[in-house]
């Protein structure tokens, strides 16, 4: 994708992503900061949108799928080439700007098929978050509310405080 607009290629069609709101950017920056501090000195890379992730290439039931998650973590550098990610990130975070559950459900299905090890959905309007952890072809789900701390299942010790996130919104 060569133009300057943000795209995702899902379900054999192009989806143009809307620009992020100030609230979204503030939350994403706070989450990125927590991840970056935790991952410093470890063999992981944390990146934020826009970064193309090619989950499949004419493979799997979804065909070619290109997504731009809000935040992703890669173990090692094996998946990143030419400024793009080829294959499944180890952890993906999506921040939902409004209740767009159709898009989240499509991504849930795609990330499950791609075997993304951990997938977080942060929902500011509802002041909650949900994590999905891949195991044996399925996701197990954990719901976090209001002032809980989101805990990563694959990165022991990685936590994000929802209370702190909501406080960043002003």
C-alpha atoms as a PDB file:
ATOM      1  CA  UNK A   1       0.000   0.000   0.000  1.00  0.00           C
ATOM      2  CA  UNK A   2       1.740   3.079  -1.191  1.00  0.00           C
ATOM      3  CA  UNK A   3      -0.450   6.119  -0.464  1.00  0.00           C
ATOM      4  CA  UNK A   4      -0.379   8.032   2.841  1.00  0.00           C
ATOM      5  CA  UNK A   5      -3.773   6.857   4.120  1.00  0.00           C
ATOM      6  CA  UNK A   6      -3.945   4.123   6.715  1.00  0.00           C
ATOM      7  CA  UNK A   7      -5.361   0.881   5.296  1.00  0.00           C
ATOM      8  CA  UNK A   8      -6.111  -2.608   6.410  1.00  0.00           C
ATOM      9  CA  UNK A   9      -6.823  -5.397   3.960  1.00  0.00           C
ATOM     10  CA  UNK A  10      -9.311  -7.740   5.596  1.00  0.00           C
ATOM     11  CA  UNK A  11     -11.792 -10.246   4.222  1.00  0.00           C
ATOM     12  CA  UNK A  12     -10.601  -9.647   0.653  1.00  0.00           C
ATOM     13  CA  UNK A  13     -11.421  -5.937   0.827  1.00  0.00           C
ATOM     14  CA  UNK A  14      -9.643  -2.736   1.776  1.00  0.00           C
ATOM     15  CA  UNK A  15     -10.704  -0.898   4.912  1.00  0.00           C
ATOM     16  CA  UNK A  16      -9.549   2.712   5.247  1.00  0.00           C
ATOM     17  CA  UNK A  17      -8.864   3.477   8.896  1.00  0.00           C
ATOM     18  CA  UNK A  18     -10.042   6.779  10.293  1.00  0.00           C
ATOM     19  CA  UNK A  19      -7.485   9.104  11.888  1.00  0.00           C
ATOM     20  CA  UNK A  20      -6.964   8.565  15.601  1.00  0.00           C
ATOM     21  CA  UNK A  21      -8.603  10.928  18.085  1.00  0.00           C
ATOM     22  CA  UNK A  22      -6.612  12.813  20.713  1.00  0.00           C
ATOM     23  CA  UNK A  23      -7.966  10.465  23.402  1.00  0.00           C
ATOM     24  CA  UNK A  24      -6.885   7.428  21.377  1.00  0.00           C
ATOM     25  CA  UNK A  25      -3.385   8.834  20.894  1.00  0.00           C
ATOM     26  CA  UNK A  26      -3.077   9.672  24.596  1.00  0.00           C
ATOM     27  CA  UNK A  27      -4.096   6.147  25.606  1.00  0.00           C
ATOM     28  CA  UNK A  28      -1.850   4.536  22.994  1.00  0.00           C
ATOM     29  CA  UNK A  29       1.117   6.612  24.169  1.00  0.00           C
ATOM     30  CA  UNK A  30       0.498   5.555  27.787  1.00  0.00           C
ATOM     31  CA  UNK A  31       0.247   1.858  26.855  1.00  0.00           C
ATOM     32  CA  UNK A  32       3.348   2.113  24.647  1.00  0.00           C
ATOM     33  CA  UNK A  33       5.291   3.739  27.499  1.00  0.00           C
ATOM     34  CA  UNK A  34       4.418   0.895  29.898  1.00  0.00           C
ATOM     35  CA  UNK A  35       5.385  -1.725  27.304  1.00  0.00           C
ATOM     36  CA  UNK A  36       8.631   0.047  26.333  1.00  0.00           C
ATOM     37  CA  UNK A  37       9.755   0.391  29.956  1.00  0.00           C
ATOM     38  CA  UNK A  38       8.999  -3.270  30.671  1.00  0.00           C
ATOM     39  CA  UNK A  39      10.658  -4.574  27.491  1.00  0.00           C
ATOM     40  CA  UNK A  40      13.841  -2.480  27.748  1.00  0.00           C
ATOM     41  CA  UNK A  41      16.862  -4.777  27.664  1.00  0.00           C
ATOM     42  CA  UNK A  42      14.788  -7.774  26.599  1.00  0.00           C
ATOM     43  CA  UNK A  43      14.882  -9.414  23.130  1.00  0.00           C
ATOM     44  CA  UNK A  44      11.492  -7.977  22.138  1.00  0.00           C
ATOM     45  CA  UNK A  45      10.418  -5.106  19.924  1.00  0.00           C
ATOM     46  CA  UNK A  46       7.359  -2.965  20.622  1.00  0.00           C
ATOM     47  CA  UNK A  47       5.916  -0.889  17.748  1.00  0.00           C
ATOM     48  CA  UNK A  48       2.899   1.335  17.276  1.00  0.00           C
ATOM     49  CA  UNK A  49       0.609   2.095  14.350  1.00  0.00           C
ATOM     50  CA  UNK A  50       1.160   2.704  11.479  1.00  0.00           C
ATOM     51  CA  UNK A  51       3.080  -0.472  10.739  1.00  0.00           C
ATOM     52  CA  UNK A  52       1.833  -2.996   8.198  1.00  0.00           C
ATOM     53  CA  UNK A  53       1.488  -6.547   9.457  1.00  0.00           C
ATOM     54  CA  UNK A  54       1.130  -9.180   6.720  1.00  0.00           C
ATOM     55  CA  UNK A  55      -0.522 -12.027   8.623  1.00  0.00           C
ATOM     56  CA  UNK A  56      -1.084 -14.338   5.672  1.00  0.00           C
ATOM     57  CA  UNK A  57       0.004 -14.234   2.071  1.00  0.00           C
ATOM     58  CA  UNK A  58      -2.641 -16.017  -0.006  1.00  0.00           C
ATOM     59  CA  UNK A  59      -2.812 -18.501   2.806  1.00  0.00           C
ATOM     60  CA  UNK A  60      -5.440 -19.529   5.320  1.00  0.00           C
ATOM     61  CA  UNK A  61      -9.138 -18.949   5.003  1.00  0.00           C
ATOM     62  CA  UNK A  62      -8.731 -15.168   4.937  1.00  0.00           C
ATOM     63  CA  UNK A  63      -6.323 -14.979   1.976  1.00  0.00           C
ATOM     64  CA  UNK A  64      -3.987 -11.993   2.083  1.00  0.00           C
ATOM     65  CA  UNK A  65      -4.513 -10.029   5.294  1.00  0.00           C
ATOM     66  CA  UNK A  66      -2.738  -6.779   6.117  1.00  0.00           C
ATOM     67  CA  UNK A  67      -3.547  -5.105   9.425  1.00  0.00           C
ATOM     68  CA  UNK A  68      -2.201  -2.106  11.304  1.00  0.00           C
ATOM     69  CA  UNK A  69      -2.707  -2.839  15.002  1.00  0.00           C
ATOM     70  CA  UNK A  70      -2.393   0.026  17.443  1.00  0.00           C
ATOM     71  CA  UNK A  71       0.500  -1.691  19.204  1.00  0.00           C
ATOM     72  CA  UNK A  72       2.378  -4.936  18.680  1.00  0.00           C
ATOM     73  CA  UNK A  73       5.201  -6.883  20.247  1.00  0.00           C
ATOM     74  CA  UNK A  74       7.600  -9.136  18.356  1.00  0.00           C
ATOM     75  CA  UNK A  75       9.943 -11.662  19.924  1.00  0.00           C
ATOM     76  CA  UNK A  76      13.249 -11.284  18.113  1.00  0.00           C
ATOM     77  CA  UNK A  77      13.638  -9.634  14.716  1.00  0.00           C
ATOM     78  CA  UNK A  78      12.863 -12.583  12.491  1.00  0.00           C
ATOM     79  CA  UNK A  79       9.454 -11.295  11.384  1.00  0.00           C
ATOM     80  CA  UNK A  80      10.360  -7.713  10.473  1.00  0.00           C
ATOM     81  CA  UNK A  81      11.672  -7.023   6.971  1.00  0.00           C
ATOM     82  CA  UNK A  82      11.601  -3.945   4.754  1.00  0.00           C
ATOM     83  CA  UNK A  83       9.705  -1.927   7.368  1.00  0.00           C
ATOM     84  CA  UNK A  84       6.860  -4.451   7.529  1.00  0.00           C
ATOM     85  CA  UNK A  85       6.011  -7.397   9.729  1.00  0.00           C
ATOM     86  CA  UNK A  86       5.579 -10.761   8.027  1.00  0.00           C
ATOM     87  CA  UNK A  87       3.704 -13.263  10.148  1.00  0.00           C
ATOM     88  CA  UNK A  88       1.954 -13.046  13.467  1.00  0.00           C
ATOM     89  CA  UNK A  89       3.101 -10.682  16.196  1.00  0.00           C
ATOM     90  CA  UNK A  90       3.344 -12.255  19.623  1.00  0.00           C
ATOM     91  CA  UNK A  91       1.056  -9.669  21.231  1.00  0.00           C
ATOM     92  CA  UNK A  92      -1.350  -7.152  19.687  1.00  0.00           C
ATOM     93  CA  UNK A  93      -3.216  -4.289  21.375  1.00  0.00           C
ATOM     94  CA  UNK A  94      -6.218  -2.596  19.785  1.00  0.00           C
ATOM     95  CA  UNK A  95      -7.834   0.493  21.316  1.00  0.00           C
ATOM     96  CA  UNK A  96     -11.510   0.760  20.381  1.00  0.00           C
ATOM     97  CA  UNK A  97     -12.436   4.431  19.816  1.00  0.00           C
ATOM     98  CA  UNK A  98     -16.145   3.659  19.807  1.00  0.00           C
ATOM     99  CA  UNK A  99     -18.187   0.493  20.126  1.00  0.00           C
ATOM    100  CA  UNK A 100     -17.189  -0.993  16.754  1.00  0.00           C
ATOM    101  CA  UNK A 101     -17.587  -4.598  17.771  1.00  0.00           C
ATOM    102  CA  UNK A 102     -17.975  -5.845  14.186  1.00  0.00           C
ATOM    103  CA  UNK A 103     -14.410  -4.826  13.367  1.00  0.00           C
ATOM    104  CA  UNK A 104     -13.109  -6.257  16.626  1.00  0.00           C
ATOM    105  CA  UNK A 105     -14.909  -9.554  15.991  1.00  0.00           C
ATOM    106  CA  UNK A 106     -13.388  -9.793  12.475  1.00  0.00           C
ATOM    107  CA  UNK A 107      -9.947  -9.116  13.922  1.00  0.00           C
ATOM    108  CA  UNK A 108     -10.551 -11.649  16.698  1.00  0.00           C
ATOM    109  CA  UNK A 109     -11.263 -14.313  14.051  1.00  0.00           C
ATOM    110  CA  UNK A 110      -8.264 -13.296  11.942  1.00  0.00           C
ATOM    111  CA  UNK A 111      -5.872 -13.143  14.907  1.00  0.00           C
ATOM    112  CA  UNK A 112      -7.110 -16.537  16.082  1.00  0.00           C
ATOM    113  CA  UNK A 113      -6.501 -18.034  12.615  1.00  0.00           C
ATOM    114  CA  UNK A 114      -3.050 -16.380  12.565  1.00  0.00           C
ATOM    115  CA  UNK A 115      -2.289 -17.798  16.039  1.00  0.00           C
ATOM    116  CA  UNK A 116      -1.478 -14.422  17.590  1.00  0.00           C
ATOM    117  CA  UNK A 117      -0.418 -15.508  21.069  1.00  0.00           C
ATOM    118  CA  UNK A 118      -2.083 -12.646  22.956  1.00  0.00           C
ATOM    119  CA  UNK A 119      -4.573  -9.981  21.858  1.00  0.00           C
ATOM    120  CA  UNK A 120      -5.791  -7.061  24.004  1.00  0.00           C
ATOM    121  CA  UNK A 121      -8.822  -4.874  23.334  1.00  0.00           C
ATOM    122  CA  UNK A 122      -8.954  -1.644  25.336  1.00  0.00           C
ATOM    123  CA  UNK A 123     -12.413  -0.044  25.318  1.00  0.00           C
ATOM    124  CA  UNK A 124     -12.289   3.555  26.638  1.00  0.00           C
ATOM    125  CA  UNK A 125     -16.036   4.283  26.265  1.00  0.00           C
ATOM    126  CA  UNK A 126     -16.819   1.280  28.502  1.00  0.00           C
ATOM    127  CA  UNK A 127     -13.723   1.799  30.700  1.00  0.00           C
ATOM    128  CA  UNK A 128     -12.702  -1.835  30.409  1.00  0.00           C
ATOM    129  CA  UNK A 129     -10.343  -4.127  28.572  1.00  0.00           C
ATOM    130  CA  UNK A 130     -10.369  -7.730  27.449  1.00  0.00           C
ATOM    131  CA  UNK A 131      -7.452 -10.030  26.767  1.00  0.00           C
ATOM    132  CA  UNK A 132      -7.437 -13.133  24.612  1.00  0.00           C
ATOM    133  CA  UNK A 133      -4.704 -15.744  25.050  1.00  0.00           C
ATOM    134  CA  UNK A 134      -4.116 -18.374  22.355  1.00  0.00           C
ATOM    135  CA  UNK A 135      -3.878 -22.020  23.355  1.00  0.00           C
ATOM    136  CA  UNK A 136      -4.579 -25.153  21.325  1.00  0.00           C
ATOM    137  CA  UNK A 137      -6.545 -23.373  18.595  1.00  0.00           C
ATOM    138  CA  UNK A 138      -8.720 -21.299  20.924  1.00  0.00           C
ATOM    139  CA  UNK A 139      -8.609 -18.022  22.833  1.00  0.00           C
ATOM    140  CA  UNK A 140      -9.285 -17.832  26.536  1.00  0.00           C
ATOM    141  CA  UNK A 141     -10.742 -14.483  27.536  1.00  0.00           C
ATOM    142  CA  UNK A 142     -10.244 -12.309  30.620  1.00  0.00           C
ATOM    143  CA  UNK A 143     -12.249  -9.139  31.246  1.00  0.00           C
ATOM    144  CA  UNK A 144     -10.685  -6.249  33.166  1.00  0.00           C
ATOM    145  CA  UNK A 145     -12.892  -3.444  34.517  1.00  0.00           C
ATOM    146  CA  UNK A 146     -12.477   0.165  35.625  1.00  0.00           C
ATOM    147  CA  UNK A 147      -9.397   0.184  37.883  1.00  0.00           C
ATOM    148  CA  UNK A 148      -8.006  -3.333  37.298  1.00  0.00           C
ATOM    149  CA  UNK A 149      -4.475  -4.020  36.084  1.00  0.00           C
ATOM    150  CA  UNK A 150      -4.226  -5.814  32.742  1.00  0.00           C
ATOM    151  CA  UNK A 151      -1.680  -8.612  33.087  1.00  0.00           C
ATOM    152  CA  UNK A 152       0.023 -10.238  30.143  1.00  0.00           C
ATOM    153  CA  UNK A 153      -0.123 -14.015  30.066  1.00  0.00           C
ATOM    154  CA  UNK A 154       2.951 -14.407  27.844  1.00  0.00           C
ATOM    155  CA  UNK A 155       5.210 -11.685  29.289  1.00  0.00           C
ATOM    156  CA  UNK A 156       5.444 -12.367  33.018  1.00  0.00           C
ATOM    157  CA  UNK A 157       5.411  -9.072  34.911  1.00  0.00           C
ATOM    158  CA  UNK A 158       3.989  -6.908  32.109  1.00  0.00           C
ATOM    159  CA  UNK A 159       1.033  -4.963  33.494  1.00  0.00           C
ATOM    160  CA  UNK A 160      -0.960  -1.905  32.481  1.00  0.00           C
ATOM    161  CA  UNK A 161      -3.107  -0.066  35.018  1.00  0.00           C
ATOM    162  CA  UNK A 162      -6.550   0.808  33.679  1.00  0.00           C
ATOM    163  CA  UNK A 163      -6.914   3.429  36.407  1.00  0.00           C
ATOM    164  CA  UNK A 164      -3.773   5.170  35.131  1.00  0.00           C
ATOM    165  CA  UNK A 165      -5.028   4.933  31.534  1.00  0.00           C
ATOM    166  CA  UNK A 166      -8.366   6.501  32.389  1.00  0.00           C
ATOM    167  CA  UNK A 167      -6.588   9.245  34.362  1.00  0.00           C
ATOM    168  CA  UNK A 168      -4.559  10.177  31.242  1.00  0.00           C
ATOM    169  CA  UNK A 169      -7.809  11.138  29.494  1.00  0.00           C
ATOM    170  CA  UNK A 170      -8.136  14.181  31.753  1.00  0.00           C
END
